[in-house]
C-alpha atoms as a PDB file:
ATOM      1  CA  ALA A   1     -13.323 -31.030  12.857  1.00  0.00           C
ATOM      2  CA  ALA A   2     -11.830 -27.645  12.022  1.00  0.00           C
ATOM      3  CA  SER A   3      -8.873 -28.216  14.318  1.00  0.00           C
ATOM      4  CA  LEU A   4      -8.183 -31.563  12.771  1.00  0.00           C
ATOM      5  CA  PHE A   5      -8.424 -30.129   9.272  1.00  0.00           C
ATOM      6  CA  SER A   6      -5.986 -27.321  10.130  1.00  0.00           C
ATOM      7  CA  MET A   7      -3.534 -29.804  11.763  1.00  0.00           C
ATOM      8  CA  ILE A   8      -3.627 -31.928   8.568  1.00  0.00           C
ATOM      9  CA  LEU A   9      -3.230 -28.944   6.317  1.00  0.00           C
ATOM     10  CA  ALA A  10      -0.513 -27.061   8.224  1.00  0.00           C
ATOM     11  CA  PRO A  11       2.524 -29.162   7.094  1.00  0.00           C
ATOM     12  CA  PHE A  12       1.560 -28.676   3.456  1.00  0.00           C
ATOM     13  CA  ILE A  13       1.074 -24.967   3.871  1.00  0.00           C
ATOM     14  CA  ILE A  14       4.445 -24.714   5.610  1.00  0.00           C
ATOM     15  CA  GLN A  15       6.179 -26.716   2.917  1.00  0.00           C
ATOM     16  CA  TYR A  16       4.739 -24.745   0.037  1.00  0.00           C
ATOM     17  CA  ASN A  17       4.398 -21.321   1.669  1.00  0.00           C
ATOM     18  CA  GLY A  18       6.838 -19.736  -0.913  1.00  0.00           C
ATOM     19  CA  ARG A  19       4.741 -20.871  -3.830  1.00  0.00           C
ATOM     20  CA  ILE A  20       1.518 -19.835  -2.137  1.00  0.00           C
ATOM     21  CA  ALA A  21       2.897 -16.359  -1.374  1.00  0.00           C
ATOM     22  CA  ARG A  22       4.144 -15.870  -4.943  1.00  0.00           C
ATOM     23  CA  TYR A  23       0.765 -16.964  -6.356  1.00  0.00           C
ATOM     24  CA  LEU A  24      -1.160 -14.645  -4.031  1.00  0.00           C
ATOM     25  CA  SER A  25       1.172 -11.703  -4.633  1.00  0.00           C
ATOM     26  CA  LYS A  26       1.054 -11.735  -8.440  1.00  0.00           C
ATOM     27  CA  SER A  27      -1.972  -9.463  -8.682  1.00  0.00           C
ATOM     28  CA  TYR A  28      -0.592  -7.268  -5.879  1.00  0.00           C
ATOM     29  CA  ASN A  29       2.708  -6.774  -7.708  1.00  0.00           C
ATOM     30  CA  ARG A  30       0.920  -6.076 -11.010  1.00  0.00           C
ATOM     31  CA  ASN A  31      -1.202  -3.371  -9.330  1.00  0.00           C
ATOM     32  CA  SER A  32       1.740  -1.961  -7.405  1.00  0.00           C
ATOM     33  CA  ALA A  33       3.703  -1.350 -10.656  1.00  0.00           C
ATOM     34  CA  ASP A  34       0.907   0.839 -11.935  1.00  0.00           C
ATOM     35  CA  THR A  35       0.834   2.678  -8.629  1.00  0.00           C
ATOM     36  CA  VAL A  36       4.573   3.278  -8.648  1.00  0.00           C
ATOM     37  CA  GLN A  37       4.320   4.722 -12.211  1.00  0.00           C
ATOM     38  CA  ALA A  38       1.481   7.076 -11.156  1.00  0.00           C
ATOM     39  CA  ILE A  39       3.390   8.251  -8.157  1.00  0.00           C
ATOM     40  CA  GLN A  40       6.549   8.844 -10.183  1.00  0.00           C
ATOM     41  CA  SER A  41       4.691  10.920 -12.744  1.00  0.00           C
ATOM     42  CA  ILE A  42       3.043  13.037 -10.009  1.00  0.00           C
ATOM     43  CA  GLY A  43       6.292  13.350  -8.083  1.00  0.00           C
ATOM     44  CA  ARG A  44       8.181  14.741 -11.035  1.00  0.00           C
ATOM     45  CA  SER A  45       5.872  17.735 -11.210  1.00  0.00           C
ATOM     46  CA  LEU A  46       6.185  18.647  -7.555  1.00  0.00           C
ATOM     47  CA  LYS A  47       8.813  21.029  -6.207  1.00  0.00           C
ATOM     48  CA  ASP A  48       9.123  22.595  -2.777  1.00  0.00           C
ATOM     49  CA  HIS A  49       6.359  20.398  -1.452  1.00  0.00           C
ATOM     50  CA  VAL A  50       5.381  18.622   1.801  1.00  0.00           C
ATOM     51  CA  ILE A  51       5.557  14.885   2.153  1.00  0.00           C
ATOM     52  CA  LEU A  52       2.907  13.442   4.403  1.00  0.00           C
ATOM     53  CA  CYS A  53       3.962  10.046   5.790  1.00  0.00           C
ATOM     54  CA  GLY A  54       0.692   8.412   6.667  1.00  0.00           C
ATOM     55  CA  TYR A  55      -2.720   9.481   5.439  1.00  0.00           C
ATOM     56  CA  GLY A  56      -4.998   8.368   8.214  1.00  0.00           C
ATOM     57  CA  ARG A  57      -7.229  10.697  10.165  1.00  0.00           C
ATOM     58  CA  SER A  58      -4.437  13.159  11.152  1.00  0.00           C
ATOM     59  CA  GLY A  59      -2.778  13.001   7.780  1.00  0.00           C
ATOM     60  CA  GLN A  60      -6.064  13.760   5.952  1.00  0.00           C
ATOM     61  CA  TYR A  61      -6.694  16.633   8.316  1.00  0.00           C
ATOM     62  CA  LEU A  62      -3.276  18.094   7.596  1.00  0.00           C
ATOM     63  CA  GLY A  63      -3.773  17.441   3.865  1.00  0.00           C
ATOM     64  CA  ARG A  64      -7.030  19.476   3.891  1.00  0.00           C
ATOM     65  CA  PHE A  65      -5.234  22.265   5.651  1.00  0.00           C
ATOM     66  CA  LEU A  66      -2.350  22.213   3.146  1.00  0.00           C
ATOM     67  CA  LYS A  67      -4.829  22.210   0.229  1.00  0.00           C
ATOM     68  CA  GLU A  68      -6.687  25.207   1.666  1.00  0.00           C
ATOM     69  CA  GLU A  69      -3.347  27.034   1.990  1.00  0.00           C
ATOM     70  CA  ASN A  70      -2.343  26.089  -1.585  1.00  0.00           C
ATOM     71  CA  ILE A  71       0.703  24.235  -0.329  1.00  0.00           C
ATOM     72  CA  PRO A  72       1.685  21.365  -2.666  1.00  0.00           C
ATOM     73  CA  PHE A  73       1.898  17.967  -0.949  1.00  0.00           C
ATOM     74  CA  ILE A  74       2.050  14.292  -1.573  1.00  0.00           C
ATOM     75  CA  ALA A  75       0.853  11.676   0.892  1.00  0.00           C
ATOM     76  CA  ILE A  76       2.371   8.224   1.380  1.00  0.00           C
ATOM     77  CA  ASP A  77       0.301   5.573   3.132  1.00  0.00           C
ATOM     78  CA  ILE A  78       0.399   1.826   3.435  1.00  0.00           C
ATOM     79  CA  ASP A  79      -3.285   1.672   2.393  1.00  0.00           C
ATOM     80  CA  PRO A  80      -3.396   2.590  -1.337  1.00  0.00           C
ATOM     81  CA  SER A  81      -7.161   3.393  -1.163  1.00  0.00           C
ATOM     82  CA  ARG A  82      -6.411   6.437   0.932  1.00  0.00           C
END
């Protein structure tokens, strides 16, 4: 039953994928604008700092080290909750 349902639904999803994506991304774009503003305000105050690209396990470890050494840094990660 699930296979039949997905086969019936697939052509409509393919046809309207742009509209569906725009609808689903509205809240993401709204939240990302706030995030960009926050990053810009923080970034303006930093000078001679380290940029961490990725804030997973290794990035967080390096971030703790930098913090202990009083070295300013900013971390960029694909997951905004990090």
